[in-house]
N, C-alpha and C. Protein backbone atom coordinates (compact mmCIF):
# COMPACT_ATOMS: atom_id res chain seq x y z
N MET A 1 57.81 -48.92 -5.12
CA MET A 1 59.16 -49.01 -4.04
C MET A 1 58.63 -48.57 -2.87
N GLU A 2 59.90 -48.33 -2.29
CA GLU A 2 59.67 -48.96 -0.89
C GLU A 2 60.75 -47.77 0.02
N GLY A 3 60.40 -47.74 1.51
CA GLY A 3 61.42 -47.06 1.92
C GLY A 3 61.50 -44.96 1.97
N PHE A 4 60.69 -44.54 1.28
CA PHE A 4 60.43 -43.05 0.98
C PHE A 4 59.46 -42.12 1.51
N GLU A 5 59.17 -40.89 1.72
CA GLU A 5 58.37 -40.35 2.28
C GLU A 5 57.76 -39.08 1.66
N VAL A 6 56.50 -39.04 1.49
CA VAL A 6 56.04 -37.56 1.14
C VAL A 6 55.39 -36.55 2.03
N THR A 7 56.00 -35.46 1.84
CA THR A 7 56.02 -34.31 2.71
C THR A 7 55.03 -33.13 2.09
N GLU A 8 54.78 -32.11 2.64
CA GLU A 8 53.81 -31.00 2.50
C GLU A 8 54.80 -30.47 1.62
N LYS A 9 56.50 -30.60 1.90
CA LYS A 9 57.17 -29.35 1.01
C LYS A 9 57.00 -29.96 -0.19
N MET A 10 56.50 -30.82 -0.39
CA MET A 10 56.88 -31.66 -2.18
C MET A 10 55.12 -31.25 -2.84
N LEU A 11 54.75 -30.60 -2.19
CA LEU A 11 53.50 -30.27 -2.86
C LEU A 11 53.43 -29.04 -3.80
N GLY A 12 52.88 -28.81 -5.10
CA GLY A 12 53.12 -28.20 -5.88
C GLY A 12 54.33 -28.24 -7.18
N ASN A 13 54.75 -28.87 -6.33
CA ASN A 13 55.66 -29.50 -7.35
C ASN A 13 55.67 -30.05 -9.02
N TYR A 14 54.40 -29.55 -9.55
CA TYR A 14 53.50 -30.00 -10.66
C TYR A 14 53.36 -29.09 -11.18
N GLY A 15 53.33 -29.11 -12.92
CA GLY A 15 52.76 -28.56 -14.01
C GLY A 15 53.16 -29.07 -15.05
N SER A 16 52.83 -27.98 -16.13
CA SER A 16 53.07 -28.96 -17.61
C SER A 16 54.36 -27.95 -18.13
N THR A 17 55.26 -29.68 -18.27
CA THR A 17 56.53 -29.04 -18.37
C THR A 17 56.44 -29.81 -20.17
N PRO A 18 57.64 -29.33 -21.35
CA PRO A 18 57.34 -30.09 -22.77
C PRO A 18 57.96 -31.69 -22.42
N TYR A 19 57.50 -32.10 -23.39
CA TYR A 19 58.09 -33.37 -23.41
C TYR A 19 59.48 -34.13 -22.78
N LYS A 20 60.13 -34.63 -21.98
CA LYS A 20 61.27 -35.21 -22.07
C LYS A 20 61.81 -34.24 -21.13
N GLN A 21 61.33 -33.28 -20.47
CA GLN A 21 62.05 -32.31 -19.23
C GLN A 21 61.45 -32.54 -18.21
N THR A 22 62.45 -31.79 -16.88
CA THR A 22 62.40 -32.19 -15.41
C THR A 22 61.65 -30.67 -14.90
N THR A 23 60.35 -30.92 -14.39
CA THR A 23 60.34 -29.76 -13.55
C THR A 23 61.29 -30.42 -11.98
N VAL A 24 62.29 -29.34 -11.09
CA VAL A 24 62.73 -29.50 -9.95
C VAL A 24 62.33 -29.11 -8.83
N HIS A 25 61.68 -29.22 -7.91
CA HIS A 25 61.77 -28.73 -7.02
C HIS A 25 63.16 -27.65 -6.46
N PRO A 26 62.85 -26.14 -5.88
CA PRO A 26 64.03 -25.80 -5.54
C PRO A 26 64.93 -26.53 -4.37
N GLU A 27 63.78 -26.74 -3.30
CA GLU A 27 64.96 -27.67 -2.24
C GLU A 27 65.32 -28.89 -2.49
N ILE A 28 64.89 -29.14 -3.46
CA ILE A 28 65.73 -31.07 -3.85
C ILE A 28 66.96 -30.48 -5.05
N THR A 29 68.01 -29.83 -4.20
CA THR A 29 69.62 -29.75 -4.39
C THR A 29 70.40 -30.29 -4.39
N ALA A 30 71.75 -30.92 -5.40
CA ALA A 30 72.79 -31.12 -4.73
C ALA A 30 73.83 -29.94 -4.65
N THR A 31 74.60 -30.79 -3.86
CA THR A 31 76.11 -29.22 -3.90
C THR A 31 75.97 -28.46 -4.72
N GLY A 32 76.15 -27.17 -4.64
CA GLY A 32 76.54 -26.36 -5.84
C GLY A 32 74.80 -26.12 -6.26
N ASP A 33 75.08 -25.51 -7.50
CA ASP A 33 74.28 -24.98 -8.40
C ASP A 33 73.43 -25.91 -9.09
N ASP A 34 74.28 -26.59 -9.55
CA ASP A 34 73.34 -27.93 -10.23
C ASP A 34 72.01 -28.68 -9.25
N PRO A 35 71.17 -29.10 -9.86
CA PRO A 35 69.86 -29.56 -8.98
C PRO A 35 70.36 -31.30 -9.14
N CYS A 36 69.58 -32.04 -8.28
CA CYS A 36 69.83 -33.31 -8.13
C CYS A 36 68.36 -34.20 -8.88
N HIS A 37 68.54 -34.94 -9.99
CA HIS A 37 67.82 -35.76 -10.79
C HIS A 37 67.96 -37.07 -10.14
N ILE A 38 66.54 -37.13 -10.16
CA ILE A 38 66.52 -39.28 -9.44
C ILE A 38 66.14 -40.00 -10.85
N HIS A 39 66.23 -40.91 -11.57
CA HIS A 39 66.10 -41.40 -12.73
C HIS A 39 65.53 -42.84 -12.13
N LEU A 40 64.34 -43.35 -12.39
CA LEU A 40 63.75 -44.60 -12.10
C LEU A 40 63.99 -45.29 -13.66
N THR A 41 64.38 -46.70 -13.04
CA THR A 41 64.06 -47.31 -13.99
C THR A 41 63.52 -48.68 -13.88
N PRO A 42 61.87 -49.02 -14.72
CA PRO A 42 61.09 -49.46 -14.62
C PRO A 42 61.39 -50.95 -14.42
N GLN A 43 61.52 -51.99 -13.47
CA GLN A 43 61.80 -53.19 -13.46
C GLN A 43 60.67 -54.10 -13.70
N LYS A 44 60.98 -55.06 -15.26
CA LYS A 44 60.59 -56.40 -15.60
C LYS A 44 59.75 -57.46 -14.80
N MET A 45 58.34 -56.67 -14.50
CA MET A 45 57.50 -58.21 -13.63
C MET A 45 57.54 -59.29 -14.82
N THR A 46 57.58 -59.65 -15.61
CA THR A 46 57.12 -60.65 -16.57
C THR A 46 58.06 -61.87 -16.54
N ARG A 47 57.67 -63.15 -17.09
CA ARG A 47 58.60 -63.93 -17.58
C ARG A 47 58.66 -64.14 -19.05
N LYS A 48 59.58 -64.54 -19.76
CA LYS A 48 59.40 -65.35 -20.78
C LYS A 48 59.48 -66.48 -21.00
N ILE A 49 58.26 -66.87 -21.63
CA ILE A 49 58.36 -68.64 -21.80
C ILE A 49 58.41 -69.13 -23.26
N ILE A 50 59.42 -70.58 -23.32
CA ILE A 50 60.23 -70.48 -24.92
C ILE A 50 59.52 -71.57 -25.11
N ALA A 51 58.26 -72.10 -25.94
CA ALA A 51 57.77 -73.68 -25.64
C ALA A 51 57.83 -74.65 -27.35
N THR A 52 58.34 -75.48 -27.19
CA THR A 52 58.55 -75.77 -28.75
C THR A 52 58.00 -77.25 -28.36
N PHE A 53 57.54 -77.97 -29.68
CA PHE A 53 56.65 -78.89 -29.46
C PHE A 53 57.37 -79.85 -31.19
N HIS A 54 57.86 -81.02 -30.76
CA HIS A 54 58.90 -82.05 -31.96
C HIS A 54 57.22 -82.65 -32.17
N ILE A 55 56.97 -82.40 -33.28
CA ILE A 55 55.77 -83.18 -34.30
C ILE A 55 56.14 -84.26 -35.11
N LYS A 56 55.48 -85.30 -35.62
CA LYS A 56 55.68 -86.08 -36.18
C LYS A 56 54.56 -85.95 -37.15
N GLY A 57 54.92 -85.48 -38.37
CA GLY A 57 53.49 -84.90 -39.49
C GLY A 57 53.45 -83.70 -39.70
N LEU A 58 55.00 -82.63 -39.15
CA LEU A 58 54.48 -81.58 -39.41
C LEU A 58 53.71 -80.56 -40.82
N ASN A 59 54.04 -81.67 -41.89
CA ASN A 59 53.76 -81.28 -42.98
C ASN A 59 52.23 -81.08 -43.25
N ASN A 60 51.32 -81.81 -42.31
CA ASN A 60 50.08 -82.37 -42.34
C ASN A 60 49.61 -80.90 -41.19
N VAL A 61 50.33 -80.05 -40.76
CA VAL A 61 49.60 -79.00 -39.49
C VAL A 61 49.94 -77.88 -40.55
N ARG A 62 48.21 -77.24 -40.52
CA ARG A 62 48.07 -75.63 -40.97
C ARG A 62 48.23 -74.59 -40.43
N SER A 63 47.79 -74.84 -38.41
CA SER A 63 47.82 -73.78 -37.39
C SER A 63 47.81 -74.76 -36.13
N LEU A 64 48.34 -73.83 -35.29
CA LEU A 64 48.59 -74.64 -33.98
C LEU A 64 48.42 -73.88 -33.06
N THR A 65 47.11 -74.32 -31.92
CA THR A 65 46.76 -73.28 -30.94
C THR A 65 46.85 -74.02 -29.20
N CYS A 66 47.62 -73.71 -28.53
CA CYS A 66 47.97 -74.19 -27.70
C CYS A 66 47.42 -73.46 -25.80
N ARG A 67 47.35 -74.29 -24.77
CA ARG A 67 46.57 -73.74 -23.53
C ARG A 67 47.07 -74.17 -22.88
N LEU A 68 48.19 -73.30 -21.66
CA LEU A 68 49.20 -74.22 -20.53
C LEU A 68 48.55 -72.99 -19.40
N ASP A 69 48.44 -74.64 -18.68
CA ASP A 69 47.94 -74.25 -17.63
C ASP A 69 48.95 -74.14 -16.39
N GLY A 70 48.59 -73.50 -15.05
CA GLY A 70 48.98 -72.95 -13.94
C GLY A 70 50.26 -71.86 -14.39
N VAL A 71 48.95 -71.44 -14.96
CA VAL A 71 50.04 -69.81 -15.06
C VAL A 71 49.52 -69.16 -13.93
N SER A 72 50.75 -67.95 -13.33
CA SER A 72 50.22 -67.46 -12.14
C SER A 72 49.42 -66.04 -13.03
N GLU A 73 47.78 -65.96 -12.36
CA GLU A 73 47.21 -64.48 -13.01
C GLU A 73 47.39 -63.08 -12.80
N SER A 74 48.57 -62.84 -11.88
CA SER A 74 49.21 -61.57 -11.63
C SER A 74 50.54 -61.80 -10.75
N VAL A 75 50.96 -60.41 -10.35
CA VAL A 75 51.98 -60.60 -9.77
C VAL A 75 51.99 -59.59 -8.63
N PHE A 76 52.66 -59.88 -7.33
CA PHE A 76 53.09 -58.36 -6.36
C PHE A 76 53.95 -57.31 -6.91
N LEU A 77 53.49 -55.92 -6.67
CA LEU A 77 54.59 -54.85 -7.44
C LEU A 77 55.72 -54.94 -6.49
N ALA A 78 55.41 -54.99 -4.87
CA ALA A 78 56.29 -54.68 -3.98
C ALA A 78 57.13 -55.75 -3.96
N THR A 79 56.94 -57.04 -4.20
CA THR A 79 57.78 -58.49 -3.89
C THR A 79 58.35 -58.86 -4.89
N GLY A 80 56.80 -58.72 -6.09
CA GLY A 80 57.77 -59.25 -7.61
C GLY A 80 57.63 -60.88 -7.31
N LYS A 81 56.92 -61.14 -6.11
CA LYS A 81 56.38 -62.04 -6.42
C LYS A 81 55.23 -62.95 -6.90
N PRO A 82 55.27 -63.71 -8.12
CA PRO A 82 53.53 -64.29 -8.71
C PRO A 82 52.73 -64.61 -7.39
N SER A 83 51.68 -64.43 -8.24
CA SER A 83 49.94 -64.90 -7.28
C SER A 83 50.12 -66.41 -6.88
N ALA A 84 49.51 -66.89 -6.29
CA ALA A 84 49.08 -68.54 -6.18
C ALA A 84 48.02 -68.67 -7.30
N ASN A 85 47.31 -67.93 -7.09
CA ASN A 85 45.91 -67.92 -7.95
C ASN A 85 46.71 -68.27 -9.70
N THR A 86 45.91 -69.59 -10.38
CA THR A 86 47.07 -69.38 -11.15
C THR A 86 45.24 -69.55 -12.75
N VAL A 87 46.05 -69.52 -13.94
CA VAL A 87 44.66 -69.46 -14.95
C VAL A 87 45.10 -70.54 -16.20
N ILE A 88 44.80 -70.35 -17.01
CA ILE A 88 45.45 -70.97 -18.24
C ILE A 88 45.19 -70.11 -19.08
N GLN A 89 46.99 -70.00 -19.85
CA GLN A 89 47.59 -69.31 -21.10
C GLN A 89 47.24 -69.69 -22.06
N GLU A 90 46.16 -69.11 -23.22
CA GLU A 90 46.59 -69.77 -24.73
C GLU A 90 47.80 -68.74 -24.99
N PHE A 91 48.03 -69.91 -25.99
CA PHE A 91 49.00 -68.70 -27.33
C PHE A 91 49.43 -69.66 -28.51
N VAL A 92 49.73 -69.23 -29.19
CA VAL A 92 50.13 -70.21 -30.89
C VAL A 92 50.91 -69.77 -31.32
N PRO A 93 51.25 -70.51 -31.36
CA PRO A 93 53.06 -70.68 -31.52
C PRO A 93 53.63 -70.86 -33.45
N SER A 94 54.18 -70.08 -33.99
CA SER A 94 54.51 -69.18 -35.05
C SER A 94 55.74 -69.60 -35.53
N THR A 95 56.42 -70.18 -35.60
CA THR A 95 57.75 -70.38 -35.60
C THR A 95 57.92 -72.05 -36.39
N TYR A 96 57.82 -72.41 -37.72
CA TYR A 96 57.76 -73.91 -38.39
C TYR A 96 59.67 -74.25 -38.54
N GLN A 97 59.48 -75.15 -38.72
CA GLN A 97 61.03 -76.11 -38.89
C GLN A 97 61.23 -77.48 -38.69
N PHE A 98 61.60 -77.49 -40.07
CA PHE A 98 61.40 -78.51 -40.65
C PHE A 98 62.74 -79.42 -40.38
N THR A 99 62.82 -80.76 -40.16
CA THR A 99 64.19 -81.37 -39.67
C THR A 99 65.05 -81.54 -40.98
N PRO A 100 66.27 -81.47 -41.10
CA PRO A 100 66.98 -81.53 -42.54
C PRO A 100 66.91 -83.15 -42.86
N GLU A 101 66.65 -83.47 -42.48
CA GLU A 101 66.72 -85.35 -42.41
C GLU A 101 65.24 -86.02 -42.99
N SER A 102 64.23 -85.23 -42.77
CA SER A 102 62.87 -85.36 -42.85
C SER A 102 61.95 -83.90 -43.42
N PRO A 103 61.66 -84.48 -44.97
CA PRO A 103 60.75 -82.91 -45.14
C PRO A 103 59.65 -83.44 -44.42
N ALA A 104 59.20 -84.22 -43.49
CA ALA A 104 57.64 -84.26 -42.59
C ALA A 104 57.95 -84.03 -41.34
N ASP A 105 58.75 -84.14 -40.81
CA ASP A 105 59.16 -84.27 -39.38
C ASP A 105 59.46 -82.73 -39.23
N GLY A 106 59.06 -81.99 -37.78
CA GLY A 106 60.12 -80.88 -37.64
C GLY A 106 59.41 -80.33 -36.35
N THR A 107 59.75 -78.62 -35.87
CA THR A 107 59.25 -78.57 -34.92
C THR A 107 58.35 -77.14 -34.69
N ILE A 108 57.75 -77.38 -33.99
CA ILE A 108 56.53 -75.68 -33.98
C ILE A 108 57.36 -74.91 -32.95
N SER A 109 57.61 -73.71 -32.74
CA SER A 109 57.88 -72.84 -31.74
C SER A 109 57.43 -71.83 -30.92
N GLY A 110 57.18 -70.91 -29.91
CA GLY A 110 56.47 -69.78 -29.84
C GLY A 110 56.93 -69.08 -28.45
N THR A 111 57.48 -67.70 -28.56
CA THR A 111 57.66 -67.34 -27.51
C THR A 111 56.17 -66.34 -27.15
N PHE A 112 56.22 -66.14 -25.41
CA PHE A 112 55.00 -65.31 -24.99
C PHE A 112 55.53 -64.94 -23.43
N GLU A 113 54.93 -64.08 -22.80
CA GLU A 113 55.44 -63.77 -21.85
C GLU A 113 54.34 -63.86 -20.46
N ILE A 114 54.78 -64.44 -19.49
CA ILE A 114 53.48 -64.29 -18.49
C ILE A 114 54.13 -63.66 -16.69
N PHE A 115 52.73 -63.80 -15.68
CA PHE A 115 53.26 -63.26 -14.60
C PHE A 115 54.44 -64.41 -14.04
N GLY A 116 54.24 -65.35 -14.20
CA GLY A 116 54.45 -66.05 -13.23
C GLY A 116 54.84 -67.86 -13.00
N LEU A 117 55.14 -68.48 -12.97
CA LEU A 117 55.41 -70.19 -13.05
C LEU A 117 55.86 -70.95 -12.68
N HIS A 118 55.20 -71.72 -11.44
CA HIS A 118 55.77 -72.26 -10.85
C HIS A 118 56.25 -73.69 -11.18
N THR A 119 57.60 -73.12 -11.11
CA THR A 119 58.92 -74.60 -11.94
C THR A 119 58.94 -75.65 -10.96
N GLY A 120 58.23 -75.87 -9.73
CA GLY A 120 58.56 -77.00 -9.03
C GLY A 120 57.37 -78.47 -9.07
N SER A 121 55.67 -77.44 -9.97
CA SER A 121 55.30 -77.53 -9.66
C SER A 121 54.74 -78.27 -11.59
N GLU A 122 53.73 -79.36 -11.42
CA GLU A 122 53.38 -80.17 -12.58
C GLU A 122 52.22 -79.25 -13.28
N HIS A 123 52.70 -79.34 -14.97
CA HIS A 123 52.06 -78.58 -15.46
C HIS A 123 51.15 -78.95 -16.51
N ARG A 124 50.34 -78.47 -17.52
CA ARG A 124 49.60 -79.30 -18.81
C ARG A 124 49.26 -78.85 -19.47
N ILE A 125 49.93 -79.08 -21.05
CA ILE A 125 49.15 -78.37 -21.87
C ILE A 125 48.85 -79.32 -23.06
N TYR A 126 47.71 -78.18 -23.59
CA TYR A 126 46.46 -79.00 -24.36
C TYR A 126 47.06 -78.27 -25.60
N ILE A 127 46.80 -79.10 -26.73
CA ILE A 127 47.25 -78.08 -28.19
C ILE A 127 45.83 -78.53 -29.27
N ASP A 128 45.60 -77.82 -30.14
CA ASP A 128 44.70 -78.38 -31.17
C ASP A 128 44.97 -77.82 -32.23
N ALA A 129 45.29 -78.49 -33.26
CA ALA A 129 46.24 -78.62 -34.44
C ALA A 129 45.06 -78.40 -36.15
N LEU A 130 45.06 -77.18 -36.28
CA LEU A 130 44.02 -78.13 -37.74
C LEU A 130 45.25 -78.08 -38.82
N LEU A 131 44.08 -79.16 -39.46
CA LEU A 131 45.21 -79.76 -40.10
C LEU A 131 45.17 -79.05 -41.78
N THR A 132 46.06 -79.41 -42.77
CA THR A 132 46.06 -78.90 -43.86
C THR A 132 45.21 -79.24 -44.43
N ASP A 133 44.05 -80.15 -44.30
CA ASP A 133 42.63 -80.66 -45.43
C ASP A 133 41.82 -78.86 -44.90
N GLY A 134 42.04 -78.09 -44.00
CA GLY A 134 41.03 -77.76 -43.57
C GLY A 134 39.86 -77.71 -42.45
N LYS A 135 39.57 -78.86 -42.44
CA LYS A 135 38.65 -79.02 -41.30
C LYS A 135 39.34 -80.32 -40.12
N THR A 136 40.16 -81.11 -40.45
CA THR A 136 40.36 -82.01 -39.74
C THR A 136 41.59 -81.06 -38.12
N HIS A 137 40.94 -81.40 -37.21
CA HIS A 137 41.35 -80.98 -35.68
C HIS A 137 42.42 -82.55 -35.49
N PHE A 138 43.63 -82.04 -34.54
CA PHE A 138 44.50 -82.97 -33.88
C PHE A 138 44.51 -82.36 -32.40
N THR A 139 44.02 -83.08 -31.63
CA THR A 139 44.06 -82.50 -30.14
C THR A 139 44.43 -83.49 -29.46
N GLU A 140 45.10 -83.02 -28.50
CA GLU A 140 45.88 -83.90 -27.28
C GLU A 140 46.46 -82.90 -26.08
N SER A 141 46.36 -83.81 -25.15
CA SER A 141 47.08 -82.98 -24.13
C SER A 141 48.32 -83.46 -23.29
N TYR A 142 49.15 -83.15 -22.61
CA TYR A 142 50.47 -83.51 -22.25
C TYR A 142 50.55 -83.48 -20.48
N ASP A 143 50.50 -84.13 -20.08
CA ASP A 143 50.33 -83.94 -18.31
C ASP A 143 51.99 -84.23 -18.02
N LYS A 144 52.45 -83.61 -16.59
CA LYS A 144 53.59 -83.52 -16.23
C LYS A 144 54.38 -82.84 -17.04
N VAL A 145 54.16 -81.65 -17.63
CA VAL A 145 55.24 -81.08 -18.79
C VAL A 145 56.49 -80.90 -17.85
N GLU A 146 57.73 -80.40 -18.10
CA GLU A 146 58.53 -80.21 -17.19
C GLU A 146 59.03 -78.95 -18.18
N VAL A 147 58.94 -78.09 -17.23
CA VAL A 147 59.31 -76.58 -17.23
C VAL A 147 60.70 -75.78 -16.73
N THR A 148 61.99 -75.82 -17.38
CA THR A 148 63.04 -75.52 -17.33
C THR A 148 63.57 -74.22 -16.84
N GLU A 149 64.37 -73.70 -16.74
CA GLU A 149 64.93 -72.11 -16.39
C GLU A 149 66.37 -72.24 -16.99
N THR A 150 66.76 -71.33 -17.81
CA THR A 150 67.93 -71.03 -18.35
C THR A 150 68.70 -69.83 -18.55
N ASP A 151 69.84 -69.32 -18.28
CA ASP A 151 70.04 -67.87 -17.66
C ASP A 151 70.71 -67.74 -18.93
N ASP A 152 71.19 -66.15 -19.40
CA ASP A 152 71.81 -65.91 -20.17
C ASP A 152 72.86 -65.31 -19.51
N GLY A 153 73.22 -65.51 -18.11
CA GLY A 153 74.19 -65.24 -17.94
C GLY A 153 74.54 -63.76 -17.60
N GLN A 154 73.60 -62.26 -17.80
CA GLN A 154 73.67 -61.32 -17.57
C GLN A 154 72.09 -60.85 -16.58
N GLY A 155 71.51 -62.23 -15.92
CA GLY A 155 70.39 -61.93 -14.74
C GLY A 155 69.00 -62.23 -15.54
N THR A 156 68.99 -62.46 -16.66
CA THR A 156 67.43 -63.08 -17.20
C THR A 156 67.42 -64.15 -17.68
N THR A 157 66.54 -64.91 -16.73
CA THR A 157 65.80 -66.52 -16.81
C THR A 157 65.18 -66.38 -18.04
N THR A 158 64.90 -67.56 -18.78
CA THR A 158 63.71 -67.72 -19.45
C THR A 158 63.32 -68.91 -19.21
N LEU A 159 61.97 -68.93 -19.20
CA LEU A 159 61.77 -71.06 -19.24
C LEU A 159 61.13 -71.36 -20.42
N ARG A 160 61.30 -72.36 -20.60
CA ARG A 160 61.25 -73.53 -21.62
C ARG A 160 61.00 -74.43 -21.76
N ILE A 161 60.17 -75.05 -22.48
CA ILE A 161 59.30 -76.19 -22.36
C ILE A 161 59.65 -77.14 -23.39
N GLU A 162 59.77 -78.05 -23.45
CA GLU A 162 59.69 -79.31 -24.24
C GLU A 162 58.67 -80.11 -24.60
N VAL A 163 58.44 -80.47 -25.43
CA VAL A 163 56.93 -81.25 -25.95
C VAL A 163 56.94 -82.32 -26.89
N ASN A 164 57.03 -83.96 -26.78
CA ASN A 164 57.27 -84.51 -27.88
C ASN A 164 55.67 -85.37 -28.36
N THR A 165 54.82 -84.44 -29.45
CA THR A 165 53.57 -84.58 -29.66
C THR A 165 53.60 -86.33 -30.37
N GLY A 166 51.96 -86.58 -30.49
CA GLY A 166 51.94 -87.69 -30.99
C GLY A 166 51.70 -87.43 -32.39
N LYS A 167 52.06 -88.94 -33.38
CA LYS A 167 51.43 -88.93 -34.55
C LYS A 167 50.96 -88.47 -35.34
N ILE A 168 50.99 -86.82 -35.97
CA ILE A 168 49.73 -86.53 -37.00
C ILE A 168 49.20 -87.21 -37.98
N PRO A 169 48.16 -87.49 -38.20
CA PRO A 169 47.46 -88.12 -39.52
C PRO A 169 47.60 -87.68 -40.37
N ASP A 170 47.99 -88.25 -41.86
CA ASP A 170 48.30 -87.37 -42.74
C ASP A 170 47.07 -87.29 -43.76
N VAL A 171 46.25 -85.64 -44.41
CA VAL A 171 45.41 -85.76 -44.57
C VAL A 171 45.87 -85.34 -46.53
N GLU A 172 44.81 -85.02 -46.91
CA GLU A 172 45.10 -84.75 -47.97
C GLU A 172 44.52 -83.03 -48.16
N PRO A 173 45.89 -82.21 -48.68
CA PRO A 173 45.84 -80.63 -48.62
C PRO A 173 44.62 -79.82 -48.92
N GLU A 174 43.94 -79.21 -48.52
CA GLU A 174 42.27 -78.57 -49.33
C GLU A 174 42.90 -77.65 -50.19
N THR A 175 42.03 -78.06 -51.55
CA THR A 175 42.35 -77.69 -53.17
C THR A 175 41.56 -76.08 -52.83
N GLY A 176 43.00 -75.37 -53.75
CA GLY A 176 42.98 -74.05 -53.68
C GLY A 176 43.06 -73.20 -52.31
N SER A 177 43.42 -73.97 -51.59
CA SER A 177 43.69 -72.64 -50.07
C SER A 177 44.75 -71.60 -50.12
N GLY A 178 45.31 -72.12 -51.36
CA GLY A 178 47.46 -71.30 -51.66
C GLY A 178 47.02 -70.18 -51.85
N SER A 179 45.72 -69.72 -52.70
CA SER A 179 45.67 -68.59 -53.81
C SER A 179 44.28 -68.01 -53.64
N SER A 180 44.05 -66.76 -53.46
CA SER A 180 42.79 -66.25 -53.92
C SER A 180 42.34 -66.25 -55.32
N PHE A 181 43.30 -66.95 -56.35
CA PHE A 181 42.54 -66.74 -57.52
C PHE A 181 41.97 -67.85 -58.17
N ASP A 182 41.00 -68.28 -58.08
CA ASP A 182 40.51 -69.84 -58.37
C ASP A 182 40.33 -69.56 -60.17
N VAL A 183 41.11 -69.45 -60.90
CA VAL A 183 40.48 -70.02 -62.69
C VAL A 183 40.01 -71.03 -62.89
N ASP A 184 38.97 -71.14 -64.10
CA ASP A 184 38.45 -71.89 -64.45
C ASP A 184 38.51 -71.32 -66.56
N VAL A 185 39.48 -72.30 -66.67
CA VAL A 185 38.73 -71.96 -68.10
C VAL A 185 38.61 -72.88 -68.89
N ASN A 186 37.60 -72.88 -70.02
CA ASN A 186 36.17 -73.44 -70.33
C ASN A 186 37.34 -73.64 -71.84
N GLY A 187 36.50 -74.83 -72.90
CA GLY A 187 37.10 -75.03 -73.53
C GLY A 187 36.97 -73.83 -75.03
N TRP A 188 37.72 -73.91 -76.18
CA TRP A 188 37.21 -72.86 -76.87
C TRP A 188 36.34 -73.06 -78.30
N GLU A 189 35.77 -71.97 -78.09
CA GLU A 189 34.52 -72.25 -79.12
C GLU A 189 34.78 -72.16 -80.74
N ASN A 190 34.15 -71.91 -81.61
CA ASN A 190 34.67 -72.05 -82.95
C ASN A 190 35.34 -70.37 -83.19
N ASP A 191 35.88 -70.56 -83.88
CA ASP A 191 36.77 -70.01 -84.66
C ASP A 191 36.21 -68.49 -84.94
N ILE A 192 36.93 -67.07 -84.84
CA ILE A 192 35.89 -65.89 -85.33
C ILE A 192 36.86 -65.17 -85.73
N ASN A 193 37.30 -65.28 -87.33
CA ASN A 193 37.89 -64.16 -88.11
C ASN A 193 37.26 -62.85 -88.49
N THR A 194 38.12 -61.34 -87.70
CA THR A 194 37.09 -60.04 -87.66
C THR A 194 38.91 -59.30 -87.81
N ASP A 195 38.27 -58.34 -88.32
CA ASP A 195 39.64 -57.15 -88.23
C ASP A 195 39.29 -56.06 -87.29
N ILE A 196 40.34 -55.67 -87.08
CA ILE A 196 40.44 -54.61 -85.80
C ILE A 196 40.76 -53.84 -86.72
N PRO A 197 39.96 -52.63 -86.52
CA PRO A 197 40.30 -51.39 -86.40
C PRO A 197 41.66 -50.51 -86.06
N ILE A 198 42.27 -50.06 -86.80
CA ILE A 198 43.48 -49.24 -85.91
C ILE A 198 43.40 -47.59 -86.42
N ILE A 199 43.15 -46.78 -84.92
CA ILE A 199 43.29 -45.42 -85.23
C ILE A 199 44.47 -44.95 -85.37
């Protein structure tokens, strides 16, 4: 907030009030007997990013961890401008979607919030994919990642990142990883005939 003044007449205008009720200083009134209320609406200072990875061999991916560089480490509350200092932001995409014509290829996308990203600068993305065998990691980095802005028509802009990854190698899925119940049945021994008493 800018352009307001705190005076001595405002002191003492604090006290315990029930939730969702307002204490109004008697000198701050509108015309008539009704008090003047001020409603403050917080302004959102973060930016939403939607990152989409087009993957050949998505059927071999168990999980994916990504890191994006060039992310602003903070934002100035008075101006809304992001800091020039940057950090690396880690995120985990969680939305998997296979293409209808290929059961092996598809996309992984994720949405996360940041303080800011300089769209005119070049960025790099690192990915680390754990494959379905439970031990193989597929890692790659992508330079000069393009970041585009889209507007929803209501003043909200979203940053979008599109990345085409390399071919994920084929692996044998880890056995027994789909369930926590692994049952091993031994062969039958000799039959034993006995009477079961019923009470």
